[in-house]
C-alpha atoms as a PDB file:
ATOM      1  CA  MET A   1      -0.099   0.012  -0.007  1.00  0.00           C
ATOM      2  CA  GLY A   2       1.128   3.662  -0.120  1.00  0.00           C
ATOM      3  CA  ASN A   3       1.938   3.722  -3.897  1.00  0.00           C
ATOM      4  CA  ARG A   4       1.770   7.660  -4.098  1.00  0.00           C
ATOM      5  CA  MET A   5      -0.502   7.453  -7.118  1.00  0.00           C
ATOM      6  CA  ARG A   6      -2.711  10.303  -7.863  1.00  0.00           C
ATOM      7  CA  CYS A   7      -6.349   9.295  -7.370  1.00  0.00           C
ATOM      8  CA  SER A   8      -9.495  11.126  -8.310  1.00  0.00           C
ATOM      9  CA  LEU A   9     -12.838   9.985  -6.824  1.00  0.00           C
ATOM     10  CA  LEU A  10     -16.009  10.513  -8.796  1.00  0.00           C
ATOM     11  CA  CYS A  11     -18.966   9.515  -6.724  1.00  0.00           C
ATOM     12  CA  GLU A  12     -22.769  10.404  -6.357  1.00  0.00           C
ATOM     13  CA  ASP A  13     -22.903  11.754  -2.861  1.00  0.00           C
ATOM     14  CA  VAL A  14     -21.379  12.696   0.431  1.00  0.00           C
ATOM     15  CA  GLU A  15     -22.087   9.258   2.031  1.00  0.00           C
ATOM     16  CA  GLN A  16     -19.993   7.585  -0.744  1.00  0.00           C
ATOM     17  CA  GLU A  17     -17.197  10.122  -0.281  1.00  0.00           C
ATOM     18  CA  ARG A  18     -17.190   9.426   3.489  1.00  0.00           C
ATOM     19  CA  PHE A  19     -16.849   5.811   2.977  1.00  0.00           C
ATOM     20  CA  PHE A  20     -14.335   5.802   0.010  1.00  0.00           C
ATOM     21  CA  ARG A  21     -11.992   8.761   0.868  1.00  0.00           C
ATOM     22  CA  PRO A  22     -10.244   7.156   3.762  1.00  0.00           C
ATOM     23  CA  ILE A  23     -10.064   3.884   1.929  1.00  0.00           C
ATOM     24  CA  LEU A  24      -8.499   5.462  -1.218  1.00  0.00           C
ATOM     25  CA  GLU A  25      -6.185   7.694   0.842  1.00  0.00           C
ATOM     26  CA  ARG A  26      -4.817   4.505   2.597  1.00  0.00           C
ATOM     27  CA  VAL A  27      -4.645   2.317  -0.605  1.00  0.00           C
ATOM     28  CA  PHE A  28      -2.983   4.973  -2.877  1.00  0.00           C
ATOM     29  CA  GLY A  29      -0.906   6.678  -0.146  1.00  0.00           C
ATOM     30  CA  THR A  30      -2.082  10.034  -1.263  1.00  0.00           C
ATOM     31  CA  ARG A  31      -4.693  12.682  -0.925  1.00  0.00           C
ATOM     32  CA  VAL A  32      -7.710  11.860  -2.994  1.00  0.00           C
ATOM     33  CA  ASN A  33      -9.208  14.535  -5.307  1.00  0.00           C
ATOM     34  CA  VAL A  34     -12.996  14.335  -5.070  1.00  0.00           C
ATOM     35  CA  GLU A  35     -14.670  15.865  -8.185  1.00  0.00           C
ATOM     36  CA  ALA A  36     -16.950  18.645  -7.320  1.00  0.00           C
ATOM     37  CA  ARG A  37     -20.643  17.892  -6.990  1.00  0.00           C
ATOM     38  CA  LYS A  38     -23.838  18.951  -5.613  1.00  0.00           C
ATOM     39  CA  PRO A  39     -24.289  17.317  -2.159  1.00  0.00           C
ATOM     40  CA  ALA A  40     -26.446  14.746  -3.852  1.00  0.00           C
ATOM     41  CA  GLY A  41     -25.299  14.617  -7.483  1.00  0.00           C
ATOM     42  CA  GLY A  42     -26.533  11.169  -8.229  1.00  0.00           C
ATOM     43  CA  ALA A  43     -26.003   8.946 -10.977  1.00  0.00           C
ATOM     44  CA  PRO A  44     -26.876  11.444 -13.682  1.00  0.00           C
ATOM     45  CA  PHE A  45     -23.925  13.667 -12.405  1.00  0.00           C
ATOM     46  CA  VAL A  46     -21.479  10.705 -12.420  1.00  0.00           C
ATOM     47  CA  MET A  47     -22.456   9.630 -16.038  1.00  0.00           C
ATOM     48  CA  ALA A  48     -22.275  13.278 -17.149  1.00  0.00           C
ATOM     49  CA  GLN A  49     -18.585  13.667 -15.786  1.00  0.00           C
ATOM     50  CA  LEU A  50     -17.478  10.195 -16.898  1.00  0.00           C
ATOM     51  CA  PRO A  51     -16.402  10.726 -20.539  1.00  0.00           C
ATOM     52  CA  ARG A  52     -14.194  13.824 -19.790  1.00  0.00           C
ATOM     53  CA  LEU A  53     -12.433  12.101 -16.799  1.00  0.00           C
ATOM     54  CA  VAL A  54     -11.956   8.811 -18.511  1.00  0.00           C
ATOM     55  CA  LYS A  55     -10.354  10.487 -21.523  1.00  0.00           C
ATOM     56  CA  GLY A  56      -8.171  12.372 -19.158  1.00  0.00           C
ATOM     57  CA  ILE A  57      -6.964   9.197 -17.597  1.00  0.00           C
ATOM     58  CA  ARG A  58      -6.454   7.524 -20.971  1.00  0.00           C
ATOM     59  CA  GLN A  59      -4.318  10.484 -22.229  1.00  0.00           C
ATOM     60  CA  ARG A  60      -2.170  10.312 -19.070  1.00  0.00           C
ATOM     61  CA  HIS A  61      -1.706   6.574 -19.320  1.00  0.00           C
ATOM     62  CA  GLN A  62       2.087   6.773 -18.382  1.00  0.00           C
ATOM     63  CA  GLU A  63       1.184   8.869 -15.308  1.00  0.00           C
ATOM     64  CA  ALA A  64       0.588   7.306 -11.911  1.00  0.00           C
ATOM     65  CA  ALA A  65      -3.077   8.591 -11.994  1.00  0.00           C
ATOM     66  CA  GLY A  66      -6.276   6.792 -11.390  1.00  0.00           C
ATOM     67  CA  LEU A  67      -9.842   7.317 -11.274  1.00  0.00           C
ATOM     68  CA  ILE A  68     -12.234   5.715  -8.865  1.00  0.00           C
ATOM     69  CA  VAL A  69     -16.003   5.828 -10.014  1.00  0.00           C
ATOM     70  CA  VAL A  70     -18.675   5.104  -7.519  1.00  0.00           C
ATOM     71  CA  VAL A  71     -22.280   4.903  -8.486  1.00  0.00           C
ATOM     72  CA  ASP A  72     -24.842   2.941  -6.663  1.00  0.00           C
ATOM     73  CA  GLY A  73     -26.550  -0.060  -8.433  1.00  0.00           C
ATOM     74  CA  ASP A  74     -29.827   1.097  -7.184  1.00  0.00           C
ATOM     75  CA  THR A  75     -32.453  -1.275  -8.840  1.00  0.00           C
ATOM     76  CA  LEU A  76     -30.203  -1.891 -11.798  1.00  0.00           C
ATOM     77  CA  GLY A  77     -27.550  -4.044 -10.226  1.00  0.00           C
ATOM     78  CA  LEU A  78     -23.908  -4.185 -11.155  1.00  0.00           C
ATOM     79  CA  ALA A  79     -23.883  -5.704 -14.603  1.00  0.00           C
ATOM     80  CA  ALA A  80     -26.526  -3.230 -15.975  1.00  0.00           C
ATOM     81  CA  ARG A  81     -24.785  -0.232 -14.329  1.00  0.00           C
ATOM     82  CA  ILE A  82     -21.508  -1.221 -15.971  1.00  0.00           C
ATOM     83  CA  ASN A  83     -23.377  -1.538 -19.380  1.00  0.00           C
ATOM     84  CA  GLU A  84     -24.823   1.963 -18.817  1.00  0.00           C
ATOM     85  CA  ILE A  85     -21.373   3.365 -18.187  1.00  0.00           C
ATOM     86  CA  ASN A  86     -20.115   1.833 -21.280  1.00  0.00           C
ATOM     87  CA  GLY A  87     -23.152   3.230 -23.135  1.00  0.00           C
ATOM     88  CA  TYR A  88     -22.280   6.886 -21.811  1.00  0.00           C
ATOM     89  CA  LEU A  89     -18.801   6.344 -23.228  1.00  0.00           C
ATOM     90  CA  ALA A  90     -19.949   5.116 -26.442  1.00  0.00           C
ATOM     91  CA  ARG A  91     -22.352   8.002 -26.886  1.00  0.00           C
ATOM     92  CA  ALA A  92     -19.292  10.184 -26.257  1.00  0.00           C
ATOM     93  CA  GLY A  93     -17.505   8.370 -29.141  1.00  0.00           C
ATOM     94  CA  MET A  94     -15.152   6.503 -26.854  1.00  0.00           C
ATOM     95  CA  GLU A  95     -14.531   2.910 -26.377  1.00  0.00           C
ATOM     96  CA  GLY A  96     -15.947   1.213 -23.157  1.00  0.00           C
ATOM     97  CA  LEU A  97     -14.079   0.546 -20.191  1.00  0.00           C
ATOM     98  CA  ARG A  98     -10.829  -1.710 -20.680  1.00  0.00           C
ATOM     99  CA  ASN A  99      -8.799  -3.697 -18.217  1.00  0.00           C
ATOM    100  CA  VAL A 100      -5.837  -1.589 -19.175  1.00  0.00           C
ATOM    101  CA  ASP A 101      -7.668   1.549 -18.008  1.00  0.00           C
ATOM    102  CA  LYS A 102      -6.637   3.053 -14.587  1.00  0.00           C
ATOM    103  CA  VAL A 103     -10.237   3.378 -13.861  1.00  0.00           C
ATOM    104  CA  ALA A 104     -11.865   1.312 -11.160  1.00  0.00           C
ATOM    105  CA  VAL A 105     -15.831   1.231 -11.112  1.00  0.00           C
ATOM    106  CA  CYS A 106     -17.416   0.347  -7.797  1.00  0.00           C
ATOM    107  CA  VAL A 107     -21.073  -0.198  -7.855  1.00  0.00           C
ATOM    108  CA  PRO A 108     -22.589  -0.658  -4.400  1.00  0.00           C
ATOM    109  CA  CYS A 109     -25.575  -2.609  -4.715  1.00  0.00           C
ATOM    110  CA  ARG A 110     -28.055  -1.554  -3.917  1.00  0.00           C
ATOM    111  CA  ASN A 111     -26.442   1.496  -2.234  1.00  0.00           C
ATOM    112  CA  ILE A 112     -23.314   2.334  -0.273  1.00  0.00           C
ATOM    113  CA  GLU A 113     -25.255   1.876   3.029  1.00  0.00           C
ATOM    114  CA  THR A 114     -25.474  -1.795   2.263  1.00  0.00           C
ATOM    115  CA  TRP A 115     -21.646  -2.056   2.268  1.00  0.00           C
ATOM    116  CA  CYS A 116     -21.340   0.161   5.360  1.00  0.00           C
ATOM    117  CA  LEU A 117     -23.661  -2.234   7.253  1.00  0.00           C
ATOM    118  CA  TRP A 118     -21.688  -5.209   6.056  1.00  0.00           C
ATOM    119  CA  PHE A 119     -18.375  -3.813   7.350  1.00  0.00           C
ATOM    120  CA  CYS A 120     -20.025  -3.094  10.615  1.00  0.00           C
ATOM    121  CA  ASN A 121     -21.324  -6.624  10.853  1.00  0.00           C
ATOM    122  CA  VAL A 122     -24.914  -5.770  10.716  1.00  0.00           C
ATOM    123  CA  ARG A 123     -26.729  -8.708   8.975  1.00  0.00           C
ATOM    124  CA  PRO A 124     -28.514 -10.130   7.131  1.00  0.00           C
ATOM    125  CA  LEU A 125     -28.069  -8.118   3.960  1.00  0.00           C
ATOM    126  CA  ASN A 126     -28.553  -8.505   0.304  1.00  0.00           C
ATOM    127  CA  GLU A 127     -28.060  -6.446  -2.912  1.00  0.00           C
ATOM    128  CA  ILE A 128     -31.748  -6.011  -3.653  1.00  0.00           C
ATOM    129  CA  ASP A 129     -33.231  -4.468  -0.648  1.00  0.00           C
ATOM    130  CA  ASP A 130     -32.696  -0.581   0.428  1.00  0.00           C
ATOM    131  CA  PHE A 131     -30.967  -0.458   3.706  1.00  0.00           C
ATOM    132  CA  LYS A 132     -30.601   3.401   3.946  1.00  0.00           C
ATOM    133  CA  SER A 133     -32.981   3.649   6.879  1.00  0.00           C
ATOM    134  CA  ARG A 134     -31.262   0.814   8.839  1.00  0.00           C
ATOM    135  CA  TRP A 135     -27.937   2.488   8.172  1.00  0.00           C
ATOM    136  CA  ARG A 136     -29.113   6.017   9.655  1.00  0.00           C
ATOM    137  CA  LYS A 137     -29.031   4.296  12.998  1.00  0.00           C
ATOM    138  CA  GLU A 138     -25.380   3.281  12.559  1.00  0.00           C
ATOM    139  CA  ALA A 139     -24.271   6.261  10.314  1.00  0.00           C
ATOM    140  CA  HIS A 140     -21.863   7.463  13.048  1.00  0.00           C
ATOM    141  CA  LYS A 141     -19.799   4.485  12.226  1.00  0.00           C
ATOM    142  CA  THR A 142     -18.893   5.471   8.563  1.00  0.00           C
ATOM    143  CA  ARG A 143     -15.092   5.619   9.402  1.00  0.00           C
ATOM    144  CA  GLU A 144     -15.249   2.379  11.308  1.00  0.00           C
ATOM    145  CA  ALA A 145     -16.800   0.620   8.186  1.00  0.00           C
ATOM    146  CA  ALA A 146     -14.172   2.177   5.909  1.00  0.00           C
ATOM    147  CA  ASP A 147     -11.456   0.919   8.206  1.00  0.00           C
ATOM    148  CA  ALA A 148     -13.020  -2.541   8.138  1.00  0.00           C
ATOM    149  CA  TRP A 149     -12.134  -2.627   4.545  1.00  0.00           C
ATOM    150  CA  PHE A 150      -8.575  -3.639   5.635  1.00  0.00           C
ATOM    151  CA  ALA A 151      -9.309  -6.050   8.398  1.00  0.00           C
ATOM    152  CA  PRO A 152      -8.009  -9.449   7.983  1.00  0.00           C
ATOM    153  CA  THR A 153     -10.739 -11.622   6.523  1.00  0.00           C
ATOM    154  CA  ALA A 154     -11.192 -15.407   7.107  1.00  0.00           C
ATOM    155  CA  PRO A 155     -11.818 -17.564   4.114  1.00  0.00           C
ATOM    156  CA  ALA A 156     -15.523 -18.252   5.326  1.00  0.00           C
ATOM    157  CA  GLU A 157     -16.119 -14.462   5.502  1.00  0.00           C
ATOM    158  CA  VAL A 158     -14.625 -13.966   1.977  1.00  0.00           C
ATOM    159  CA  ASP A 159     -16.968 -16.454   0.786  1.00  0.00           C
ATOM    160  CA  ALA A 160     -19.871 -14.976   2.433  1.00  0.00           C
ATOM    161  CA  GLU A 161     -19.166 -11.586   0.930  1.00  0.00           C
ATOM    162  CA  LYS A 162     -18.799 -12.930  -2.498  1.00  0.00           C
ATOM    163  CA  ASN A 163     -22.138 -14.882  -2.287  1.00  0.00           C
ATOM    164  CA  THR A 164     -24.020 -12.147  -0.409  1.00  0.00           C
ATOM    165  CA  LEU A 165     -22.506  -8.874  -1.862  1.00  0.00           C
ATOM    166  CA  PRO A 166     -20.887  -9.898  -5.201  1.00  0.00           C
ATOM    167  CA  ALA A 167     -20.702  -6.247  -6.276  1.00  0.00           C
ATOM    168  CA  LEU A 168     -18.547  -5.407  -3.157  1.00  0.00           C
ATOM    169  CA  SER A 169     -16.121  -8.329  -3.990  1.00  0.00           C
ATOM    170  CA  ALA A 170     -16.105  -6.877  -7.628  1.00  0.00           C
ATOM    171  CA  ALA A 171     -15.021  -3.388  -6.223  1.00  0.00           C
ATOM    172  CA  ARG A 172     -12.350  -4.752  -4.251  1.00  0.00           C
ATOM    173  CA  ALA A 173     -10.999  -6.448  -7.237  1.00  0.00           C
ATOM    174  CA  GLU A 174     -11.299  -3.283  -9.382  1.00  0.00           C
ATOM    175  CA  ILE A 175      -9.362  -1.236  -6.913  1.00  0.00           C
ATOM    176  CA  ASN A 176      -6.561  -3.974  -6.758  1.00  0.00           C
ATOM    177  CA  ARG A 177      -6.660  -3.916 -10.642  1.00  0.00           C
ATOM    178  CA  VAL A 178      -5.986  -0.399 -10.799  1.00  0.00           C
ATOM    179  CA  LEU A 179      -3.137  -0.634  -8.209  1.00  0.00           C
ATOM    180  CA  LYS A 180      -1.329  -3.152 -10.186  1.00  0.00           C
ATOM    181  CA  LEU A 181      -1.284  -0.831 -13.209  1.00  0.00           C
ATOM    182  CA  VAL A 182       0.756   1.721 -11.509  1.00  0.00           C
END
């Protein structure tokens, strides 16, 4: 960890930023630049910014710079949200996301509150139901949830995460993939 890579975070809202900023600062060993947004920019904000930011990362492919995109899966889910992202890029005349891009797409399904609850050991959970109201009771634990990203995980817990919240496992893999490109 601590690669000193420049990292930008493009996310929908403050709750996503509160969760991801400390994770990314620890992973990338640097301060994270958060793209300016309204307090609750939502998926449309993320999609509107995406082509410009992906183009910038691709143009600076030799630099140690990455982009982390966080957009809730909402009722779409992970695969449909990724397809939507690639559609936005195509409409902008760009190729869809590639494994060689220093762009990690994290799609909390259904929303970031589900992941926060998972990291605070509040169960049962799934990627379909909306757990925002349940998280409001625990929201003071956002930093604790982010710190738990790095906690040693027993094999049974890794399997439980993959089976229960596959989008979370995919996000971890995406961030690790971008780190290896530096």
